[in-house]
PDB file of N, CA and C in Angstrom:
ATOM      1  N   UNK A   1     -19.595 -63.168 -52.503  1.00  0.00           N
ATOM      2  CA  UNK A   1     -19.321 -62.187 -52.883  1.00  0.00           C
ATOM      3  C   UNK A   1     -19.193 -62.074 -54.426  1.00  0.00           C
ATOM      4  N   UNK A   2     -20.236 -61.524 -55.152  1.00  0.00           N
ATOM      5  CA  UNK A   2     -20.380 -61.594 -56.743  1.00  0.00           C
ATOM      6  C   UNK A   2     -19.458 -60.159 -57.204  1.00  0.00           C
ATOM      7  N   UNK A   3     -18.516 -60.439 -58.019  1.00  0.00           N
ATOM      8  CA  UNK A   3     -17.688 -59.427 -58.585  1.00  0.00           C
ATOM      9  C   UNK A   3     -17.697 -59.283 -60.334  1.00  0.00           C
ATOM     10  N   UNK A   4     -18.442 -58.395 -60.970  1.00  0.00           N
ATOM     11  CA  UNK A   4     -18.598 -58.458 -62.250  1.00  0.00           C
ATOM     12  C   UNK A   4     -17.532 -57.736 -62.923  1.00  0.00           C
ATOM     13  N   UNK A   5     -16.656 -57.095 -62.570  1.00  0.00           N
ATOM     14  CA  UNK A   5     -15.429 -56.352 -63.420  1.00  0.00           C
ATOM     15  C   UNK A   5     -14.283 -56.659 -62.869  1.00  0.00           C
ATOM     16  N   UNK A   6     -13.610 -57.511 -63.245  1.00  0.00           N
ATOM     17  CA  UNK A   6     -12.180 -58.011 -62.651  1.00  0.00           C
ATOM     18  C   UNK A   6     -10.955 -57.105 -63.162  1.00  0.00           C
ATOM     19  N   UNK A   7     -11.299 -56.075 -64.052  1.00  0.00           N
ATOM     20  CA  UNK A   7     -10.268 -55.235 -64.440  1.00  0.00           C
ATOM     21  C   UNK A   7     -10.374 -54.051 -63.925  1.00  0.00           C
ATOM     22  N   UNK A   8     -11.064 -53.566 -63.005  1.00  0.00           N
ATOM     23  CA  UNK A   8     -11.267 -52.087 -62.353  1.00  0.00           C
ATOM     24  C   UNK A   8     -10.044 -52.235 -61.400  1.00  0.00           C
ATOM     25  N   UNK A   9      -8.714 -51.966 -61.884  1.00  0.00           N
ATOM     26  CA  UNK A   9      -7.489 -51.717 -60.803  1.00  0.00           C
ATOM     27  C   UNK A   9      -7.008 -50.343 -60.642  1.00  0.00           C
ATOM     28  N   UNK A  10      -6.558 -49.772 -59.554  1.00  0.00           N
ATOM     29  CA  UNK A  10      -5.906 -48.499 -59.451  1.00  0.00           C
ATOM     30  C   UNK A  10      -4.772 -48.931 -59.330  1.00  0.00           C
ATOM     31  N   UNK A  11      -3.737 -48.611 -59.718  1.00  0.00           N
ATOM     32  CA  UNK A  11      -2.503 -48.896 -59.853  1.00  0.00           C
ATOM     33  C   UNK A  11      -1.323 -47.922 -59.200  1.00  0.00           C
ATOM     34  N   UNK A  12      -0.354 -48.300 -58.374  1.00  0.00           N
ATOM     35  CA  UNK A  12       0.876 -47.215 -57.904  1.00  0.00           C
ATOM     36  C   UNK A  12       2.027 -48.152 -58.024  1.00  0.00           C
ATOM     37  N   UNK A  13       2.684 -47.265 -59.070  1.00  0.00           N
ATOM     38  CA  UNK A  13       4.107 -47.922 -59.489  1.00  0.00           C
ATOM     39  C   UNK A  13       5.054 -47.455 -58.699  1.00  0.00           C
ATOM     40  N   UNK A  14       4.999 -46.481 -57.880  1.00  0.00           N
ATOM     41  CA  UNK A  14       5.745 -46.213 -56.758  1.00  0.00           C
ATOM     42  C   UNK A  14       6.327 -46.914 -55.628  1.00  0.00           C
ATOM     43  N   UNK A  15       4.951 -47.462 -55.270  1.00  0.00           N
ATOM     44  CA  UNK A  15       4.700 -48.361 -54.217  1.00  0.00           C
ATOM     45  C   UNK A  15       4.550 -49.627 -54.404  1.00  0.00           C
ATOM     46  N   UNK A  16       4.406 -49.934 -55.944  1.00  0.00           N
ATOM     47  CA  UNK A  16       4.401 -51.233 -55.998  1.00  0.00           C
ATOM     48  C   UNK A  16       3.235 -52.016 -55.857  1.00  0.00           C
ATOM     49  N   UNK A  17       1.927 -51.539 -55.750  1.00  0.00           N
ATOM     50  CA  UNK A  17       0.694 -52.081 -55.705  1.00  0.00           C
ATOM     51  C   UNK A  17      -0.545 -51.672 -56.519  1.00  0.00           C
ATOM     52  N   UNK A  18      -1.401 -52.663 -56.334  1.00  0.00           N
ATOM     53  CA  UNK A  18      -2.517 -52.343 -57.242  1.00  0.00           C
ATOM     54  C   UNK A  18      -3.679 -52.621 -56.319  1.00  0.00           C
ATOM     55  N   UNK A  19      -4.719 -51.766 -56.428  1.00  0.00           N
ATOM     56  CA  UNK A  19      -5.958 -52.094 -55.409  1.00  0.00           C
ATOM     57  C   UNK A  19      -7.215 -51.980 -56.241  1.00  0.00           C
ATOM     58  N   UNK A  20      -7.959 -52.935 -56.046  1.00  0.00           N
ATOM     59  CA  UNK A  20      -9.175 -53.344 -56.885  1.00  0.00           C
ATOM     60  C   UNK A  20     -10.451 -52.535 -56.080  1.00  0.00           C
ATOM     61  N   UNK A  21     -11.107 -52.448 -57.062  1.00  0.00           N
ATOM     62  CA  UNK A  21     -12.060 -51.174 -56.290  1.00  0.00           C
ATOM     63  C   UNK A  21     -13.247 -52.000 -55.453  1.00  0.00           C
ATOM     64  N   UNK A  22     -13.164 -53.273 -55.401  1.00  0.00           N
ATOM     65  CA  UNK A  22     -13.914 -53.690 -54.333  1.00  0.00           C
ATOM     66  C   UNK A  22     -13.270 -54.110 -53.002  1.00  0.00           C
ATOM     67  N   UNK A  23     -12.017 -53.670 -52.802  1.00  0.00           N
ATOM     68  CA  UNK A  23     -11.032 -53.675 -51.509  1.00  0.00           C
ATOM     69  C   UNK A  23      -9.790 -54.665 -51.588  1.00  0.00           C
ATOM     70  N   UNK A  24      -9.686 -55.951 -52.340  1.00  0.00           N
ATOM     71  CA  UNK A  24      -8.497 -56.541 -52.557  1.00  0.00           C
ATOM     72  C   UNK A  24      -7.404 -55.542 -53.305  1.00  0.00           C
ATOM     73  N   UNK A  25      -6.408 -56.015 -52.924  1.00  0.00           N
ATOM     74  CA  UNK A  25      -4.963 -55.344 -53.378  1.00  0.00           C
ATOM     75  C   UNK A  25      -4.028 -56.512 -53.327  1.00  0.00           C
ATOM     76  N   UNK A  26      -2.787 -55.822 -54.079  1.00  0.00           N
ATOM     77  CA  UNK A  26      -1.966 -56.694 -54.427  1.00  0.00           C
ATOM     78  C   UNK A  26      -0.566 -55.523 -54.107  1.00  0.00           C
ATOM     79  N   UNK A  27       0.456 -56.187 -53.560  1.00  0.00           N
ATOM     80  CA  UNK A  27       1.880 -55.453 -53.218  1.00  0.00           C
ATOM     81  C   UNK A  27       2.706 -56.384 -53.824  1.00  0.00           C
ATOM     82  N   UNK A  28       3.705 -55.730 -54.937  1.00  0.00           N
ATOM     83  CA  UNK A  28       4.808 -56.728 -55.315  1.00  0.00           C
ATOM     84  C   UNK A  28       6.439 -56.114 -55.070  1.00  0.00           C
ATOM     85  N   UNK A  29       7.130 -56.928 -55.288  1.00  0.00           N
ATOM     86  CA  UNK A  29       8.625 -56.467 -55.285  1.00  0.00           C
ATOM     87  C   UNK A  29       9.089 -56.780 -56.520  1.00  0.00           C
ATOM     88  N   UNK A  30      10.392 -55.965 -56.680  1.00  0.00           N
ATOM     89  CA  UNK A  30      10.999 -56.133 -58.023  1.00  0.00           C
ATOM     90  C   UNK A  30       9.975 -55.371 -58.984  1.00  0.00           C
ATOM     91  N   UNK A  31      10.688 -56.086 -60.322  1.00  0.00           N
ATOM     92  CA  UNK A  31       9.780 -55.199 -61.811  1.00  0.00           C
ATOM     93  C   UNK A  31       8.396 -55.335 -61.934  1.00  0.00           C
ATOM     94  N   UNK A  32       7.938 -54.468 -61.954  1.00  0.00           N
ATOM     95  CA  UNK A  32       6.392 -54.419 -62.103  1.00  0.00           C
ATOM     96  C   UNK A  32       5.974 -55.720 -63.347  1.00  0.00           C
ATOM     97  N   UNK A  33       6.900 -55.394 -64.479  1.00  0.00           N
ATOM     98  CA  UNK A  33       6.545 -56.385 -65.620  1.00  0.00           C
ATOM     99  C   UNK A  33       7.056 -58.061 -65.037  1.00  0.00           C
ATOM    100  N   UNK A  34       7.557 -58.119 -64.246  1.00  0.00           N
ATOM    101  CA  UNK A  34       8.159 -59.540 -63.807  1.00  0.00           C
ATOM    102  C   UNK A  34       8.371 -59.434 -62.337  1.00  0.00           C
ATOM    103  N   UNK A  35       7.531 -59.499 -61.539  1.00  0.00           N
ATOM    104  CA  UNK A  35       8.004 -59.246 -59.916  1.00  0.00           C
ATOM    105  C   UNK A  35       8.661 -60.325 -59.370  1.00  0.00           C
ATOM    106  N   UNK A  36       9.281 -60.227 -58.198  1.00  0.00           N
ATOM    107  CA  UNK A  36      10.131 -61.356 -57.429  1.00  0.00           C
ATOM    108  C   UNK A  36       8.949 -61.827 -56.294  1.00  0.00           C
ATOM    109  N   UNK A  37       8.362 -60.863 -56.117  1.00  0.00           N
ATOM    110  CA  UNK A  37       7.335 -61.438 -54.920  1.00  0.00           C
ATOM    111  C   UNK A  37       6.011 -60.582 -55.083  1.00  0.00           C
ATOM    112  N   UNK A  38       4.761 -61.589 -54.951  1.00  0.00           N
ATOM    113  CA  UNK A  38       3.365 -60.639 -54.644  1.00  0.00           C
ATOM    114  C   UNK A  38       2.791 -61.315 -53.550  1.00  0.00           C
ATOM    115  N   UNK A  39       2.066 -60.078 -52.806  1.00  0.00           N
ATOM    116  CA  UNK A  39       1.701 -60.220 -51.875  1.00  0.00           C
ATOM    117  C   UNK A  39       0.096 -59.924 -51.736  1.00  0.00           C
ATOM    118  N   UNK A  40      -0.797 -60.745 -51.936  1.00  0.00           N
ATOM    119  CA  UNK A  40      -2.127 -60.453 -51.928  1.00  0.00           C
ATOM    120  C   UNK A  40      -2.761 -59.923 -50.560  1.00  0.00           C
ATOM    121  N   UNK A  41      -3.461 -59.205 -50.516  1.00  0.00           N
ATOM    122  CA  UNK A  41      -4.031 -58.298 -49.466  1.00  0.00           C
ATOM    123  C   UNK A  41      -5.725 -58.407 -49.559  1.00  0.00           C
ATOM    124  N   UNK A  42      -6.397 -58.929 -48.411  1.00  0.00           N
ATOM    125  CA  UNK A  42      -7.869 -59.288 -48.451  1.00  0.00           C
ATOM    126  C   UNK A  42      -8.418 -59.843 -49.443  1.00  0.00           C
ATOM    127  N   UNK A  43      -7.878 -61.258 -49.802  1.00  0.00           N
ATOM    128  CA  UNK A  43      -8.401 -61.908 -50.915  1.00  0.00           C
ATOM    129  C   UNK A  43      -8.828 -63.184 -50.048  1.00  0.00           C
ATOM    130  N   UNK A  44      -8.800 -63.456 -48.826  1.00  0.00           N
ATOM    131  CA  UNK A  44      -9.451 -64.570 -48.222  1.00  0.00           C
ATOM    132  C   UNK A  44     -10.715 -64.853 -48.121  1.00  0.00           C
ATOM    133  N   UNK A  45     -11.716 -63.608 -48.411  1.00  0.00           N
ATOM    134  CA  UNK A  45     -13.322 -63.826 -48.252  1.00  0.00           C
ATOM    135  C   UNK A  45     -13.717 -64.000 -49.635  1.00  0.00           C
ATOM    136  N   UNK A  46     -12.928 -64.500 -50.602  1.00  0.00           N
ATOM    137  CA  UNK A  46     -13.069 -64.701 -51.804  1.00  0.00           C
ATOM    138  C   UNK A  46     -13.327 -65.986 -52.330  1.00  0.00           C
ATOM    139  N   UNK A  47     -14.115 -66.677 -53.197  1.00  0.00           N
ATOM    140  CA  UNK A  47     -13.730 -67.945 -53.726  1.00  0.00           C
ATOM    141  C   UNK A  47     -12.485 -68.102 -54.344  1.00  0.00           C
ATOM    142  N   UNK A  48     -11.986 -69.524 -54.265  1.00  0.00           N
ATOM    143  CA  UNK A  48     -10.547 -69.806 -54.821  1.00  0.00           C
ATOM    144  C   UNK A  48     -10.336 -69.164 -56.358  1.00  0.00           C
ATOM    145  N   UNK A  49     -11.821 -69.337 -57.221  1.00  0.00           N
ATOM    146  CA  UNK A  49     -11.545 -69.247 -58.685  1.00  0.00           C
ATOM    147  C   UNK A  49     -11.492 -67.505 -58.704  1.00  0.00           C
ATOM    148  N   UNK A  50     -11.851 -66.766 -57.680  1.00  0.00           N
ATOM    149  CA  UNK A  50     -12.068 -65.296 -58.045  1.00  0.00           C
ATOM    150  C   UNK A  50     -10.891 -64.989 -57.607  1.00  0.00           C
ATOM    151  N   UNK A  51      -9.968 -65.593 -56.589  1.00  0.00           N
ATOM    152  CA  UNK A  51      -8.666 -64.942 -56.109  1.00  0.00           C
ATOM    153  C   UNK A  51      -7.675 -65.090 -57.071  1.00  0.00           C
ATOM    154  N   UNK A  52      -7.599 -66.181 -57.724  1.00  0.00           N
ATOM    155  CA  UNK A  52      -6.771 -66.610 -59.062  1.00  0.00           C
ATOM    156  C   UNK A  52      -6.881 -65.466 -60.028  1.00  0.00           C
ATOM    157  N   UNK A  53      -8.484 -65.434 -60.334  1.00  0.00           N
ATOM    158  CA  UNK A  53      -8.745 -64.178 -61.334  1.00  0.00           C
ATOM    159  C   UNK A  53      -7.999 -63.060 -61.321  1.00  0.00           C
ATOM    160  N   UNK A  54      -8.403 -62.572 -60.091  1.00  0.00           N
ATOM    161  CA  UNK A  54      -8.092 -61.214 -59.253  1.00  0.00           C
ATOM    162  C   UNK A  54      -6.440 -61.178 -59.259  1.00  0.00           C
ATOM    163  N   UNK A  55      -5.751 -62.079 -58.908  1.00  0.00           N
ATOM    164  CA  UNK A  55      -4.348 -61.928 -58.817  1.00  0.00           C
ATOM    165  C   UNK A  55      -3.579 -61.641 -60.181  1.00  0.00           C
ATOM    166  N   UNK A  56      -3.990 -62.575 -61.317  1.00  0.00           N
ATOM    167  CA  UNK A  56      -3.955 -62.586 -62.643  1.00  0.00           C
ATOM    168  C   UNK A  56      -4.232 -60.995 -63.341  1.00  0.00           C
ATOM    169  N   UNK A  57      -5.199 -60.765 -63.489  1.00  0.00           N
ATOM    170  CA  UNK A  57      -5.721 -59.609 -63.443  1.00  0.00           C
ATOM    171  C   UNK A  57      -5.058 -58.236 -63.154  1.00  0.00           C
ATOM    172  N   UNK A  58      -4.695 -58.261 -61.620  1.00  0.00           N
ATOM    173  CA  UNK A  58      -4.110 -57.594 -60.781  1.00  0.00           C
ATOM    174  C   UNK A  58      -2.670 -57.024 -61.364  1.00  0.00           C
ATOM    175  N   UNK A  59      -1.922 -58.607 -61.747  1.00  0.00           N
ATOM    176  CA  UNK A  59      -0.658 -58.829 -62.118  1.00  0.00           C
ATOM    177  C   UNK A  59      -0.597 -57.757 -63.512  1.00  0.00           C
ATOM    178  N   UNK A  60      -1.619 -58.309 -64.294  1.00  0.00           N
ATOM    179  CA  UNK A  60      -1.647 -57.820 -65.606  1.00  0.00           C
ATOM    180  C   UNK A  60      -2.016 -56.206 -65.615  1.00  0.00           C
ATOM    181  N   UNK A  61      -2.638 -55.463 -64.653  1.00  0.00           N
ATOM    182  CA  UNK A  61      -2.985 -54.127 -64.654  1.00  0.00           C
ATOM    183  C   UNK A  61      -1.403 -53.660 -64.263  1.00  0.00           C
ATOM    184  N   UNK A  62      -0.717 -54.026 -63.125  1.00  0.00           N
ATOM    185  CA  UNK A  62       0.489 -53.350 -62.883  1.00  0.00           C
ATOM    186  C   UNK A  62       1.532 -53.800 -64.120  1.00  0.00           C
ATOM    187  N   UNK A  63       1.407 -54.654 -64.945  1.00  0.00           N
ATOM    188  CA  UNK A  63       2.571 -54.644 -66.027  1.00  0.00           C
ATOM    189  C   UNK A  63       1.882 -53.862 -67.223  1.00  0.00           C
ATOM    190  N   UNK A  64       0.547 -53.569 -67.351  1.00  0.00           N
ATOM    191  CA  UNK A  64       0.624 -52.369 -68.327  1.00  0.00           C
ATOM    192  C   UNK A  64       0.754 -51.069 -68.139  1.00  0.00           C
ATOM    193  N   UNK A  65       0.564 -50.632 -66.990  1.00  0.00           N
ATOM    194  CA  UNK A  65       0.806 -49.477 -66.076  1.00  0.00           C
ATOM    195  C   UNK A  65       2.549 -49.196 -66.209  1.00  0.00           C
ATOM    196  N   UNK A  66       3.242 -50.444 -66.055  1.00  0.00           N
ATOM    197  CA  UNK A  66       4.660 -50.072 -66.035  1.00  0.00           C
ATOM    198  C   UNK A  66       4.920 -49.972 -67.654  1.00  0.00           C
ATOM    199  N   UNK A  67       4.395 -50.848 -68.675  1.00  0.00           N
ATOM    200  CA  UNK A  67       4.826 -50.389 -70.177  1.00  0.00           C
ATOM    201  C   UNK A  67       4.359 -48.887 -70.437  1.00  0.00           C
ATOM    202  N   UNK A  68       3.293 -48.386 -69.707  1.00  0.00           N
ATOM    203  CA  UNK A  68       2.856 -46.917 -70.096  1.00  0.00           C
ATOM    204  C   UNK A  68       3.848 -46.089 -69.487  1.00  0.00           C
ATOM    205  N   UNK A  69       4.248 -46.390 -68.293  1.00  0.00           N
ATOM    206  CA  UNK A  69       5.360 -45.226 -67.753  1.00  0.00           C
ATOM    207  C   UNK A  69       6.780 -45.939 -67.099  1.00  0.00           C
ATOM    208  N   UNK A  70       7.525 -46.254 -68.286  1.00  0.00           N
ATOM    209  CA  UNK A  70       9.074 -47.152 -68.174  1.00  0.00           C
ATOM    210  C   UNK A  70       9.936 -46.624 -67.201  1.00  0.00           C
ATOM    211  N   UNK A  71       9.881 -45.304 -66.911  1.00  0.00           N
ATOM    212  CA  UNK A  71      10.604 -44.323 -66.277  1.00  0.00           C
ATOM    213  C   UNK A  71      10.219 -44.815 -64.771  1.00  0.00           C
ATOM    214  N   UNK A  72       9.235 -44.866 -64.353  1.00  0.00           N
ATOM    215  CA  UNK A  72       8.577 -44.925 -63.030  1.00  0.00           C
ATOM    216  C   UNK A  72       9.363 -46.175 -62.179  1.00  0.00           C
ATOM    217  N   UNK A  73       9.978 -46.045 -61.124  1.00  0.00           N
ATOM    218  CA  UNK A  73      10.540 -47.339 -60.468  1.00  0.00           C
ATOM    219  C   UNK A  73       9.897 -47.360 -58.920  1.00  0.00           C
ATOM    220  N   UNK A  74       9.875 -48.715 -58.709  1.00  0.00           N
ATOM    221  CA  UNK A  74       9.059 -48.902 -57.177  1.00  0.00           C
ATOM    222  C   UNK A  74       9.943 -48.572 -56.193  1.00  0.00           C
ATOM    223  N   UNK A  75       9.621 -48.688 -54.854  1.00  0.00           N
ATOM    224  CA  UNK A  75      10.189 -48.161 -53.866  1.00  0.00           C
ATOM    225  C   UNK A  75      11.344 -49.426 -53.513  1.00  0.00           C
ATOM    226  N   UNK A  76      11.240 -50.609 -53.938  1.00  0.00           N
ATOM    227  CA  UNK A  76      12.171 -51.758 -53.947  1.00  0.00           C
ATOM    228  C   UNK A  76      13.321 -51.444 -54.837  1.00  0.00           C
ATOM    229  N   UNK A  77      13.039 -50.894 -55.997  1.00  0.00           N
ATOM    230  CA  UNK A  77      13.962 -51.018 -57.188  1.00  0.00           C
ATOM    231  C   UNK A  77      14.728 -49.705 -56.708  1.00  0.00           C
ATOM    232  N   UNK A  78      14.432 -48.510 -56.294  1.00  0.00           N
ATOM    233  CA  UNK A  78      14.981 -47.381 -55.824  1.00  0.00           C
ATOM    234  C   UNK A  78      15.958 -47.845 -54.514  1.00  0.00           C
ATOM    235  N   UNK A  79      15.646 -48.576 -53.715  1.00  0.00           N
ATOM    236  CA  UNK A  79      16.275 -49.291 -52.485  1.00  0.00           C
ATOM    237  C   UNK A  79      17.242 -50.007 -52.962  1.00  0.00           C
ATOM    238  N   UNK A  80      17.262 -50.953 -53.854  1.00  0.00           N
ATOM    239  CA  UNK A  80      18.334 -51.496 -54.569  1.00  0.00           C
ATOM    240  C   UNK A  80      19.482 -51.044 -55.308  1.00  0.00           C
ATOM    241  N   UNK A  81      19.119 -49.827 -55.995  1.00  0.00           N
ATOM    242  CA  UNK A  81      19.993 -49.175 -56.862  1.00  0.00           C
ATOM    243  C   UNK A  81      20.679 -48.115 -56.075  1.00  0.00           C
ATOM    244  N   UNK A  82      20.027 -47.670 -54.454  1.00  0.00           N
ATOM    245  CA  UNK A  82      21.054 -46.904 -53.892  1.00  0.00           C
ATOM    246  C   UNK A  82      21.866 -47.962 -53.011  1.00  0.00           C
ATOM    247  N   UNK A  83      21.385 -49.192 -52.727  1.00  0.00           N
ATOM    248  CA  UNK A  83      22.296 -50.104 -51.802  1.00  0.00           C
ATOM    249  C   UNK A  83      23.755 -50.282 -52.778  1.00  0.00           C
ATOM    250  N   UNK A  84      23.609 -50.542 -54.261  1.00  0.00           N
ATOM    251  CA  UNK A  84      24.542 -50.837 -54.835  1.00  0.00           C
ATOM    252  C   UNK A  84      25.327 -49.649 -55.371  1.00  0.00           C
ATOM    253  N   UNK A  85      24.815 -48.356 -55.467  1.00  0.00           N
ATOM    254  CA  UNK A  85      25.339 -47.337 -55.409  1.00  0.00           C
ATOM    255  C   UNK A  85      26.858 -47.237 -54.102  1.00  0.00           C
ATOM    256  N   UNK A  86      25.939 -47.368 -53.151  1.00  0.00           N
ATOM    257  CA  UNK A  86      26.817 -47.150 -51.629  1.00  0.00           C
ATOM    258  C   UNK A  86      27.823 -48.142 -51.744  1.00  0.00           C
ATOM    259  N   UNK A  87      27.610 -49.377 -51.946  1.00  0.00           N
ATOM    260  CA  UNK A  87      28.459 -50.418 -52.049  1.00  0.00           C
ATOM    261  C   UNK A  87      29.458 -49.968 -53.059  1.00  0.00           C
ATOM    262  N   UNK A  88      29.091 -49.507 -54.122  1.00  0.00           N
ATOM    263  CA  UNK A  88      30.441 -49.202 -55.060  1.00  0.00           C
ATOM    264  C   UNK A  88      31.210 -48.135 -54.355  1.00  0.00           C
ATOM    265  N   UNK A  89      30.750 -47.111 -53.763  1.00  0.00           N
ATOM    266  CA  UNK A  89      31.295 -46.186 -53.645  1.00  0.00           C
ATOM    267  C   UNK A  89      32.072 -46.386 -51.968  1.00  0.00           C
ATOM    268  N   UNK A  90      31.852 -47.385 -51.508  1.00  0.00           N
ATOM    269  CA  UNK A  90      32.805 -47.350 -49.969  1.00  0.00           C
ATOM    270  C   UNK A  90      33.991 -47.219 -50.065  1.00  0.00           C
ATOM    271  N   UNK A  91      34.739 -46.967 -49.175  1.00  0.00           N
ATOM    272  CA  UNK A  91      36.334 -46.471 -49.201  1.00  0.00           C
ATOM    273  C   UNK A  91      36.944 -47.784 -48.702  1.00  0.00           C
ATOM    274  N   UNK A  92      36.159 -48.840 -48.093  1.00  0.00           N
ATOM    275  CA  UNK A  92      36.929 -49.829 -47.356  1.00  0.00           C
ATOM    276  C   UNK A  92      36.732 -51.210 -48.241  1.00  0.00           C
ATOM    277  N   UNK A  93      36.615 -50.844 -49.631  1.00  0.00           N
ATOM    278  CA  UNK A  93      36.221 -52.191 -50.224  1.00  0.00           C
ATOM    279  C   UNK A  93      37.698 -52.879 -50.714  1.00  0.00           C
ATOM    280  N   UNK A  94      37.730 -53.997 -50.801  1.00  0.00           N
ATOM    281  CA  UNK A  94      38.877 -54.967 -51.131  1.00  0.00           C
ATOM    282  C   UNK A  94      39.701 -54.575 -52.373  1.00  0.00           C
ATOM    283  N   UNK A  95      41.122 -54.458 -52.543  1.00  0.00           N
ATOM    284  CA  UNK A  95      41.680 -54.188 -53.367  1.00  0.00           C
ATOM    285  C   UNK A  95      41.551 -55.379 -54.285  1.00  0.00           C
ATOM    286  N   UNK A  96      41.319 -55.196 -55.400  1.00  0.00           N
ATOM    287  CA  UNK A  96      41.433 -56.524 -56.529  1.00  0.00           C
ATOM    288  C   UNK A  96      42.159 -56.540 -57.317  1.00  0.00           C
ATOM    289  N   UNK A  97      43.222 -57.793 -57.669  1.00  0.00           N
ATOM    290  CA  UNK A  97      44.193 -57.784 -58.460  1.00  0.00           C
ATOM    291  C   UNK A  97      43.666 -57.471 -59.922  1.00  0.00           C
ATOM    292  N   UNK A  98      44.644 -56.679 -60.576  1.00  0.00           N
ATOM    293  CA  UNK A  98      44.120 -56.169 -62.127  1.00  0.00           C
ATOM    294  C   UNK A  98      44.896 -56.974 -62.939  1.00  0.00           C
ATOM    295  N   UNK A  99      44.389 -57.148 -64.002  1.00  0.00           N
ATOM    296  CA  UNK A  99      45.106 -58.015 -65.184  1.00  0.00           C
ATOM    297  C   UNK A  99      45.469 -56.686 -66.579  1.00  0.00           C
ATOM    298  N   UNK A 100      46.652 -57.090 -66.639  1.00  0.00           N
ATOM    299  CA  UNK A 100      47.259 -56.301 -67.731  1.00  0.00           C
ATOM    300  C   UNK A 100      47.896 -57.071 -68.931  1.00  0.00           C
ATOM    301  N   UNK A 101      47.749 -56.237 -69.925  1.00  0.00           N
ATOM    302  CA  UNK A 101      48.502 -57.090 -71.343  1.00  0.00           C
ATOM    303  C   UNK A 101      49.517 -56.475 -71.644  1.00  0.00           C
ATOM    304  N   UNK A 102      50.026 -55.653 -71.075  1.00  0.00           N
ATOM    305  CA  UNK A 102      51.301 -55.044 -71.454  1.00  0.00           C
ATOM    306  C   UNK A 102      52.364 -55.862 -70.523  1.00  0.00           C
ATOM    307  N   UNK A 103      53.840 -56.236 -71.019  1.00  0.00           N
ATOM    308  CA  UNK A 103      54.933 -56.604 -70.543  1.00  0.00           C
ATOM    309  C   UNK A 103      55.664 -56.101 -69.725  1.00  0.00           C
TER     310      UNK A 103
END
């Protein structure tokens, strides 16, 4: 399979994925500029060198899209923020001792 253009990616920051026009796609977790996990999809039919280049170019396309739209968050980021908010608001959290500087 000969691919001439490695730069043609369609990105969706809310889903955390990038789809190449020829079929392979990437799904990430975490920050698009520095993902914590990357899942390549439909890469197995490609030569190893093309897989590596597509992976690199796809991650670069996601990072560039994140720089253009800094306020867009992935579904994983929204879920983590919601989990943290619910944890902070729970009623049965332990009481922690407080430090006071008054005597």
